[in-house]
Structures are given as C-alpha cells and as structure tokens.
Amino acid sequence: MSGGAIRPVAVRGQRVIDPAGWTARNLAGNDNWIVRLDDRDIEGLREMAANFRRRYGDDTNGLLERNRSDFDLGSFRGKLNAIAHALKDGKGLALVRGLPVHRLESIDVAIIYWAIGLHIGVPASNNPDGDMIGHVTDLGKDRHHPKHRGYQTRATMDYHNDQANVVGLLCVRTSKHGGESKVVSSISVYNELIRRRPDLLDTLCGDFCWSMMGEVDEDESPYYTSPVFNFLEGFLCTSFGPDHMRKGHNLPEAPGLTPEQAESIRVVEEICEDLHYPMELAAGDIQFLNNMVALHTRNGFEDWPEPDRKRLLWRLWLTVPGIRPLTPFMEHWRTGLLLKRTEPRINLRPG
C-alpha cells in the first residue's frame, strides 16, 4: 500500500493537490492499492474465526458485544494497518482480494469481515432495522420510487458516497451479467470542475436538500441539507448523491432545485463518468473507500434466477474518528441510520 504525501492547504477555487486526487491512469499503472491475501493470511483469519466460535458460539449478534482486541488478525494485521493509513492519508481507497468465501461458512466470513472492519473503525447501522452488515442485493424495488434506495435494486446507480466515513463492500456472490463497480476521486472531480465549469462552484459549495428516503422518526424532517464541495480546516471534503439530492428537492416540504443546482449536478455526474476507474469485484474481494474523497457506483445487472445465487455484497459502514473534517452530510450520519425503534443486529440473510 502507498503511504500519504504532503498535502497543501485546500483553497476554494484553486486546484487541490492531495494524495487522494488520483486518476484512472494512476490506478491502472500502479496496483499498490490492491492487497492480496496469501495462504498465511487466510489461514490466520480462518483460525481467528474458529477460535471465536469456540469461545462465543455461532450467534452472529454476539459480534456486537466484542471489540477489536477480541480478534487476532495474525499476519494480515500489518497489511490492514497499511490499508487504514491509505484510507486516511493516501489514495482513500483499497481493494482486498482473495478471501475464499466459497470455501468458508457464512458465519466464518462474517466474523472475518467484522473483525477487519473493527480494526479500521466503528461499525454503524445501515438501515432502520439496525443491520450492521448491510445487504446490497436486488429486492425488486424501484430506484425511481421516492422512498426506495438504489442498492436494493438491480438498476444502474448514480455516483455517490455512502453515509459513513468509510464504506466496505465484500462481494459474496456475483451477478450473471453486469454489476461492475466504478470509482472516481472526488478530489479529481473537483479539479476538473473548476477547469471545465468554474461558474458552477458557488452553487456546489451551497446547500442542497437530501432526502431521508422516508427513513425517519415521526418528529424528524424528511430531508437535511449539505453542500457538495466543503472546504474544512484546509481539506476538501465532498458529499455527493444525485438520487438523494433530487428526491430531497422534490419533497413538498423542500424548495425545488434551481436551474443552477440541476445543471451543477448533471455536470458533476458527467465528470465522474469521464474520470472513473472500472473495477470488477470477484467473490471474496473487499472494496474500501473513504467517502469524503471517493465516489462510487455500479452498472445495472442481470441476476441469476436461483435465490441462493443472486448477486450479494455485504456492506460495512465505518466511523473513523479524525479521518477528515466532517461535512454537514457526515455530521448528519455520525452514528449511522438510527431511529427510535432501531435495534442493532447482524443478520446474514437479505430482506
């Protein structure tokens, strides 16, 4: 893994120099952001999972009561330290390859994944049901519905960041066709924006309304506000999610999108597509992204007809104190998606 580099102070309206400002050519030309598990790593992680089950049993909810000191990652610990450093001070992304998910029981995969996540940050709830490991899979929902979230469909998604400092996506099963991941540096997107359309910067540094997708308590607002580009304590920190933003401004309680706001969202989407790096996740791959410096999406896909073959990614939302100054978006999601009825749980079956 690559380390950090000198980062000059980020100034609004000026080009930002940041180790997280990579390009697709950078990633293609140097794979030091990819960590490959070797036999020793895998054996150590399997042993850790077996020891955990001997001590605490097979109830996955027991993971919620444990902390990082309960999990000895063995030889993988040094590699994971480098990943955590890269997420905070380097490129802001990492890909772990080679976890043999097809040769492991689901509970062993969950223990290993949870332990890795705990050594990066503090897991947070993914939804009102309290799922601490979210399921990115097609539940037959409509992406265009005002209260449906794209990860529960098979449609092409928008370029966005998730509602946590760091997101982890473990590929459990792939689709029949499609579903490729695409990532882009939001630092590089900003730099291209001020080159291509500097007239839109003021709009993108102003507030947008973001829909809560109906996932609120009765006394809460159905939307919150946050800019896209945020200059905080010398850092550029980005929050972007066109679906959530457009749906937010479509709420009767919120102001409609101005023509300038609509244009700015469209242009940022175009830049993301122009600059993205394609990444095909295989079963056993784990993608980690710093959500304040990287955006991601995935292509639509055709799934397998058999339920036990359907495309499935397990998602971790991780809070990492001090990773970057928090945008208003990140402040809103500081503790994940918690409602009054939310009870944290780890459920390995979707739905």
Protein backbone atom coordinates (compact mmCIF):
# COMPACT_ATOMS: atom_id res chain seq x y z
CA MET A 1 0.00 0.00 0.00
CA SER A 2 1.14 3.54 -0.69
CA GLY A 3 1.56 5.96 2.15
CA GLY A 4 0.48 9.56 2.44
CA ALA A 5 2.12 12.52 0.81
CA ILE A 6 2.50 16.21 1.52
CA ARG A 7 -0.92 17.84 1.27
CA PRO A 8 -1.00 21.62 0.73
CA VAL A 9 -3.93 23.51 2.22
CA ALA A 10 -7.02 23.19 0.01
CA VAL A 11 -8.34 26.59 -1.08
CA ARG A 12 -11.75 27.07 -2.67
CA GLY A 13 -11.48 27.95 -6.34
CA GLN A 14 -7.90 26.70 -6.64
CA ARG A 15 -6.65 23.33 -7.84
CA VAL A 16 -6.34 20.92 -4.91
CA ILE A 17 -3.18 18.84 -4.50
CA ASP A 18 -3.96 15.75 -2.44
CA PRO A 19 -2.75 12.11 -2.46
CA ALA A 20 -6.43 11.19 -2.82
CA GLY A 21 -6.56 13.09 -6.12
CA TRP A 22 -5.74 10.07 -8.27
CA THR A 23 -6.75 9.39 -11.86
CA ALA A 24 -7.85 6.21 -13.61
CA ARG A 25 -4.41 6.09 -15.24
CA ASN A 26 -2.77 6.23 -11.79
CA LEU A 27 -4.76 3.23 -10.58
CA ALA A 28 -4.23 1.25 -13.77
CA GLY A 29 -0.48 1.93 -13.77
CA ASN A 30 0.25 1.08 -10.13
CA ASP A 31 -1.68 -1.57 -8.22
CA ASN A 32 -0.21 -0.79 -4.80
CA TRP A 33 -3.78 -0.05 -3.65
CA ILE A 34 -4.62 -3.76 -4.08
CA VAL A 35 -3.85 -6.11 -1.18
CA ARG A 36 -3.76 -9.81 -1.99
CA LEU A 37 -4.32 -12.31 0.79
CA ASP A 38 -1.68 -15.03 0.84
CA ASP A 39 -2.03 -18.53 2.30
CA ARG A 40 -0.64 -17.43 5.66
CA ASP A 41 -3.11 -14.54 5.89
CA ILE A 42 -6.04 -16.80 5.03
CA GLU A 43 -5.03 -19.49 7.50
CA GLY A 44 -4.67 -16.89 10.27
CA LEU A 45 -8.09 -15.42 9.55
CA ARG A 46 -9.71 -18.87 9.46
CA GLU A 47 -8.08 -19.72 12.76
CA MET A 48 -9.35 -16.46 14.27
CA ALA A 49 -12.93 -17.26 13.18
CA ALA A 50 -12.70 -20.81 14.54
CA ASN A 51 -11.38 -19.56 17.88
CA PHE A 52 -14.17 -17.01 18.09
CA ARG A 53 -16.83 -19.67 17.51
CA ARG A 54 -15.29 -21.95 20.12
CA ARG A 55 -15.36 -19.13 22.70
CA TYR A 56 -18.61 -17.34 21.86
CA GLY A 57 -20.74 -19.69 19.76
CA ASP A 58 -22.44 -19.23 16.41
CA ASP A 59 -24.83 -16.35 17.13
CA THR A 60 -23.65 -13.57 14.82
CA ASN A 61 -25.21 -10.98 17.13
CA GLY A 62 -22.51 -11.92 19.61
CA LEU A 63 -20.11 -9.98 17.39
CA LEU A 64 -21.81 -6.77 18.56
CA GLU A 65 -20.52 -7.35 22.09
CA ARG A 66 -16.88 -7.77 21.11
CA ASN A 67 -14.14 -5.21 20.41
CA ARG A 68 -11.04 -5.29 18.26
CA SER A 69 -8.91 -6.84 20.99
CA ASP A 70 -11.05 -9.99 20.73
CA PHE A 71 -9.84 -10.60 17.17
CA ASP A 72 -6.26 -11.59 16.36
CA LEU A 73 -5.80 -10.95 12.65
CA GLY A 74 -2.44 -12.72 12.55
CA SER A 75 -0.14 -11.88 9.65
CA PHE A 76 -2.86 -9.78 7.98
CA ARG A 77 -2.66 -7.17 10.73
CA GLY A 78 0.31 -5.37 9.17
CA LYS A 79 -1.39 -5.20 5.78
CA LEU A 80 -4.57 -3.89 7.38
CA ASN A 81 -2.64 -1.15 9.17
CA ALA A 82 -1.36 -0.05 5.77
CA ILE A 83 -4.92 -0.09 4.39
CA ALA A 84 -6.18 2.10 7.24
CA HIS A 85 -3.32 4.54 6.62
CA ALA A 86 -4.07 4.66 2.89
CA LEU A 87 -7.75 5.36 3.56
CA LYS A 88 -6.89 8.30 5.80
CA ASP A 89 -3.74 9.76 4.27
CA GLY A 90 -3.28 8.08 0.90
CA LYS A 91 -5.49 7.41 -2.10
CA GLY A 92 -8.60 6.93 0.01
CA LEU A 93 -9.36 3.50 -1.40
CA ALA A 94 -8.14 -0.08 -1.13
CA LEU A 95 -9.10 -3.46 -2.55
CA VAL A 96 -8.52 -6.69 -0.63
CA ARG A 97 -8.50 -9.75 -2.88
CA GLY A 98 -8.65 -13.46 -2.23
CA LEU A 99 -10.89 -14.21 0.75
CA PRO A 100 -12.12 -17.75 -0.13
CA VAL A 101 -15.81 -17.12 0.56
CA HIS A 102 -16.90 -20.26 -1.34
CA ARG A 103 -14.79 -22.47 0.94
CA LEU A 104 -15.93 -20.85 4.19
CA GLU A 105 -19.17 -21.00 6.13
CA SER A 106 -21.13 -17.75 6.04
CA ILE A 107 -20.62 -17.21 9.76
CA ASP A 108 -16.83 -17.51 9.33
CA VAL A 109 -16.91 -14.94 6.52
CA ALA A 110 -18.98 -12.63 8.74
CA ILE A 111 -16.57 -12.97 11.67
CA ILE A 112 -13.56 -12.24 9.45
CA TYR A 113 -15.25 -9.27 7.76
CA TRP A 114 -16.46 -7.83 11.07
CA ALA A 115 -13.02 -8.18 12.62
CA ILE A 116 -11.38 -6.42 9.67
CA GLY A 117 -13.94 -3.62 9.93
CA LEU A 118 -13.36 -3.20 13.67
CA HIS A 119 -9.65 -2.69 13.04
CA ILE A 120 -10.46 0.17 10.65
CA GLY A 121 -13.29 1.91 12.50
CA VAL A 122 -16.54 1.58 14.44
CA PRO A 123 -19.42 -0.11 12.57
CA ALA A 124 -22.71 1.78 12.23
CA SER A 125 -26.28 0.77 11.37
CA ASN A 126 -27.08 0.60 7.64
CA ASN A 127 -30.86 0.93 7.88
CA PRO A 128 -33.78 1.45 10.29
CA ASP A 129 -33.84 -2.30 11.00
CA GLY A 130 -30.40 -2.00 12.58
CA ASP A 131 -28.46 -4.15 10.13
CA MET A 132 -24.80 -3.64 11.00
CA ILE A 133 -23.83 -5.62 7.93
CA GLY A 134 -26.00 -4.34 5.09
CA HIS A 135 -27.07 -6.44 2.13
CA VAL A 136 -26.54 -4.91 -1.30
CA THR A 137 -28.81 -7.07 -3.41
CA ASP A 138 -31.86 -6.82 -5.65
CA LEU A 139 -35.04 -6.91 -3.55
CA GLY A 140 -37.20 -5.99 -6.52
CA LYS A 141 -37.52 -2.33 -5.58
CA ASP A 142 -37.83 0.63 -7.95
CA ARG A 143 -34.87 3.01 -7.90
CA HIS A 144 -37.12 5.88 -9.03
CA HIS A 145 -39.57 5.48 -6.14
CA PRO A 146 -39.15 8.45 -3.75
CA LYS A 147 -38.53 6.16 -0.76
CA HIS A 148 -36.53 3.34 -2.36
CA ARG A 149 -32.75 3.12 -2.20
CA GLY A 150 -30.73 2.09 -5.23
CA TYR A 151 -28.73 -0.67 -3.54
CA GLN A 152 -31.95 -2.73 -3.20
CA THR A 153 -32.48 -2.76 -6.99
CA ARG A 154 -30.59 -4.12 -10.00
CA ALA A 155 -30.60 -0.77 -11.79
CA THR A 156 -27.54 1.29 -12.68
CA MET A 157 -26.83 3.57 -9.74
CA ASP A 158 -25.58 7.15 -9.53
CA TYR A 159 -22.10 8.26 -8.48
CA HIS A 160 -22.37 8.79 -4.74
CA ASN A 161 -20.73 8.45 -1.39
CA ASP A 162 -22.25 6.39 1.41
CA GLN A 163 -23.45 7.65 4.79
CA ALA A 164 -20.29 6.82 6.73
CA ASN A 165 -16.64 7.88 6.84
CA VAL A 166 -15.58 4.59 5.24
CA VAL A 167 -17.64 2.02 3.35
CA GLY A 168 -16.62 -1.60 2.95
CA LEU A 169 -18.18 -3.81 0.27
CA LEU A 170 -17.48 -7.54 0.43
CA CYS A 171 -18.53 -9.42 -2.70
CA VAL A 172 -20.21 -12.65 -1.57
CA ARG A 173 -21.74 -13.57 -4.94
CA THR A 174 -21.55 -12.01 -8.40
CA SER A 175 -24.42 -11.47 -10.85
CA LYS A 176 -25.00 -13.43 -14.05
CA HIS A 177 -24.04 -10.38 -16.14
CA GLY A 178 -23.09 -6.80 -15.28
CA GLY A 179 -22.91 -5.04 -11.92
CA GLU A 180 -19.35 -3.76 -12.43
CA SER A 181 -18.13 -1.26 -9.84
CA LYS A 182 -16.88 2.19 -10.87
CA VAL A 183 -14.90 4.53 -8.63
CA VAL A 184 -13.70 8.09 -9.03
CA SER A 185 -11.66 10.51 -6.92
CA SER A 186 -13.88 13.39 -5.80
CA ILE A 187 -10.70 15.48 -5.49
CA SER A 188 -10.06 14.94 -9.20
CA VAL A 189 -13.73 15.62 -9.98
CA TYR A 190 -13.46 18.99 -8.23
CA ASN A 191 -10.24 19.84 -10.09
CA GLU A 192 -11.88 19.05 -13.42
CA LEU A 193 -14.99 21.02 -12.45
CA ILE A 194 -13.04 24.22 -11.82
CA ARG A 195 -11.25 23.72 -15.14
CA ARG A 196 -14.38 22.89 -17.12
CA ARG A 197 -17.16 24.83 -15.38
CA PRO A 198 -15.83 27.19 -12.68
CA ASP A 199 -19.11 29.11 -12.86
CA LEU A 200 -20.83 26.23 -11.03
CA LEU A 201 -18.52 26.17 -7.99
CA ASP A 202 -20.50 28.61 -5.85
CA THR A 203 -23.65 26.56 -6.39
CA LEU A 204 -21.89 23.31 -5.46
CA CYS A 205 -20.49 24.92 -2.31
CA GLY A 206 -24.02 25.89 -1.26
CA ASP A 207 -26.67 23.75 0.42
CA PHE A 208 -28.68 21.05 -1.32
CA CYS A 209 -31.63 19.18 0.19
CA TRP A 210 -31.03 15.45 0.69
CA SER A 211 -33.95 13.05 1.11
CA MET A 212 -34.05 10.72 4.09
CA MET A 213 -35.99 8.27 1.85
CA GLY A 214 -38.73 8.07 4.47
CA GLU A 215 -36.32 6.54 6.99
CA VAL A 216 -37.11 8.98 9.81
CA ASP A 217 -38.94 9.12 13.12
CA GLU A 218 -42.28 10.94 13.15
CA ASP A 219 -40.83 14.13 14.63
CA GLU A 220 -37.92 14.39 12.17
CA SER A 221 -37.57 16.34 8.93
CA PRO A 222 -37.82 14.24 5.74
CA TYR A 223 -34.65 15.90 4.46
CA TYR A 224 -31.41 17.52 5.61
CA THR A 225 -29.00 19.93 3.92
CA SER A 226 -25.36 19.75 2.87
CA PRO A 227 -23.11 21.22 0.16
CA VAL A 228 -21.29 19.02 -2.34
CA PHE A 229 -17.84 20.61 -2.02
CA ASN A 230 -16.76 21.55 1.50
CA PHE A 231 -13.50 23.31 2.40
CA LEU A 232 -12.86 22.47 6.04
CA GLU A 233 -9.69 23.02 8.07
CA GLY A 234 -7.56 23.02 4.92
CA PHE A 235 -9.15 19.88 3.43
CA LEU A 236 -11.53 19.37 0.54
CA CYS A 237 -14.30 17.00 1.64
CA THR A 238 -17.05 16.00 -0.77
CA SER A 239 -20.62 14.75 -0.33
CA PHE A 240 -22.50 13.82 -3.49
CA GLY A 241 -25.59 11.72 -4.20
CA PRO A 242 -27.78 12.84 -7.11
CA ASP A 243 -30.69 10.50 -6.34
CA HIS A 244 -30.90 11.62 -2.71
CA MET A 245 -30.47 15.27 -3.72
CA ARG A 246 -33.08 15.27 -6.48
CA LYS A 247 -35.55 13.34 -4.33
CA GLY A 248 -34.87 15.76 -1.46
CA HIS A 249 -35.73 18.80 -3.54
CA ASN A 250 -38.85 17.02 -4.85
CA LEU A 251 -40.30 16.72 -1.35
CA PRO A 252 -43.25 19.07 -0.72
CA GLU A 253 -41.51 20.38 2.40
CA ALA A 254 -38.33 21.35 0.50
CA PRO A 255 -37.53 24.06 -2.06
CA GLY A 256 -37.31 22.83 -5.64
CA LEU A 257 -33.98 22.51 -7.43
CA THR A 258 -32.91 25.75 -9.06
CA PRO A 259 -31.78 25.56 -12.70
CA GLU A 260 -28.21 26.20 -11.49
CA GLN A 261 -28.41 23.35 -8.98
CA ALA A 262 -29.83 20.95 -11.56
CA GLU A 263 -27.10 21.89 -14.04
CA SER A 264 -24.35 21.53 -11.46
CA ILE A 265 -25.48 18.01 -10.50
CA ARG A 266 -25.61 17.00 -14.17
CA VAL A 267 -22.12 18.35 -14.88
CA VAL A 268 -20.58 16.61 -11.85
CA GLU A 269 -22.19 13.35 -12.99
CA GLU A 270 -20.66 13.81 -16.45
CA ILE A 271 -17.22 14.46 -14.97
CA CYS A 272 -17.50 11.38 -12.76
CA GLU A 273 -18.25 9.23 -15.79
CA ASP A 274 -15.38 10.80 -17.75
CA LEU A 275 -12.83 10.18 -14.98
CA HIS A 276 -13.97 6.90 -13.42
CA TYR A 277 -11.94 3.73 -13.00
CA PRO A 278 -13.84 0.45 -13.67
CA MET A 279 -13.42 -2.30 -11.13
CA GLU A 280 -14.91 -5.78 -11.43
CA LEU A 281 -15.37 -7.30 -7.98
CA ALA A 282 -14.94 -11.06 -7.75
CA ALA A 283 -16.34 -13.20 -4.96
CA GLY A 284 -14.08 -12.67 -1.94
CA ASP A 285 -12.99 -9.14 -2.89
CA ILE A 286 -13.45 -6.34 -0.34
CA GLN A 287 -13.54 -2.74 -1.57
CA PHE A 288 -12.88 0.02 0.99
CA LEU A 289 -13.49 3.71 0.22
CA ASN A 290 -13.04 6.93 2.16
CA ASN A 291 -16.40 8.54 1.42
CA MET A 292 -15.11 12.09 1.67
CA VAL A 293 -12.58 11.69 -1.15
CA ALA A 294 -14.06 8.95 -3.36
CA LEU A 295 -17.36 8.34 -5.13
CA HIS A 296 -18.63 5.03 -6.45
CA THR A 297 -21.40 3.47 -8.48
CA ARG A 298 -22.21 0.21 -10.19
CA ASN A 299 -23.68 -0.77 -13.52
CA GLY A 300 -27.08 -2.42 -13.79
CA PHE A 301 -27.04 -6.20 -13.89
CA GLU A 302 -28.88 -9.36 -14.85
CA ASP A 303 -29.19 -11.69 -11.90
CA TRP A 304 -29.39 -15.44 -11.54
CA PRO A 305 -32.91 -16.86 -11.20
CA GLU A 306 -31.97 -19.03 -8.21
CA PRO A 307 -32.27 -17.11 -4.90
CA ASP A 308 -29.10 -18.66 -3.46
CA ARG A 309 -27.07 -17.47 -6.47
CA LYS A 310 -28.31 -13.86 -6.56
CA ARG A 311 -25.72 -11.09 -6.52
CA LEU A 312 -24.89 -10.17 -2.93
CA LEU A 313 -22.46 -7.73 -1.38
CA TRP A 314 -22.12 -7.26 2.37
CA ARG A 315 -21.72 -3.62 3.34
CA LEU A 316 -20.00 -2.15 6.38
CA TRP A 317 -20.39 1.50 7.35
CA LEU A 318 -17.44 2.52 9.49
CA THR A 319 -16.93 5.63 11.61
CA VAL A 320 -13.24 6.55 11.69
CA PRO A 321 -12.53 9.43 14.08
CA GLY A 322 -10.17 12.04 12.63
CA ILE A 323 -10.17 10.67 9.08
CA ARG A 324 -11.20 14.11 7.73
CA PRO A 325 -13.23 17.07 8.99
CA LEU A 326 -16.91 16.17 8.78
CA THR A 327 -19.14 17.74 6.16
CA PRO A 328 -22.73 18.60 7.19
CA PHE A 329 -23.69 15.38 5.38
CA MET A 330 -21.28 13.36 7.53
CA GLU A 331 -22.33 15.17 10.70
CA HIS A 332 -25.89 14.10 9.98
CA TRP A 333 -24.82 10.46 9.67
CA ARG A 334 -22.31 10.47 12.52
CA THR A 335 -23.97 7.47 14.23
CA GLY A 336 -25.34 5.74 11.13
CA LEU A 337 -29.04 5.26 10.45
CA LEU A 338 -30.55 5.08 13.92
CA LEU A 339 -34.25 5.55 14.63
CA LYS A 340 -36.03 5.20 17.97
CA ARG A 341 -37.05 1.66 17.02
CA THR A 342 -33.63 0.61 15.70
CA GLU A 343 -32.02 -2.37 17.43
CA PRO A 344 -28.55 -3.25 16.10
CA ARG A 345 -28.30 -6.75 14.67
CA ILE A 346 -26.19 -8.88 12.35
CA ASN A 347 -28.40 -10.86 10.00
CA LEU A 348 -26.71 -12.84 7.24
CA ARG A 349 -29.83 -13.25 5.08
CA PRO A 350 -31.08 -10.38 2.89
CA GLY A 351 -34.50 -8.83 3.42
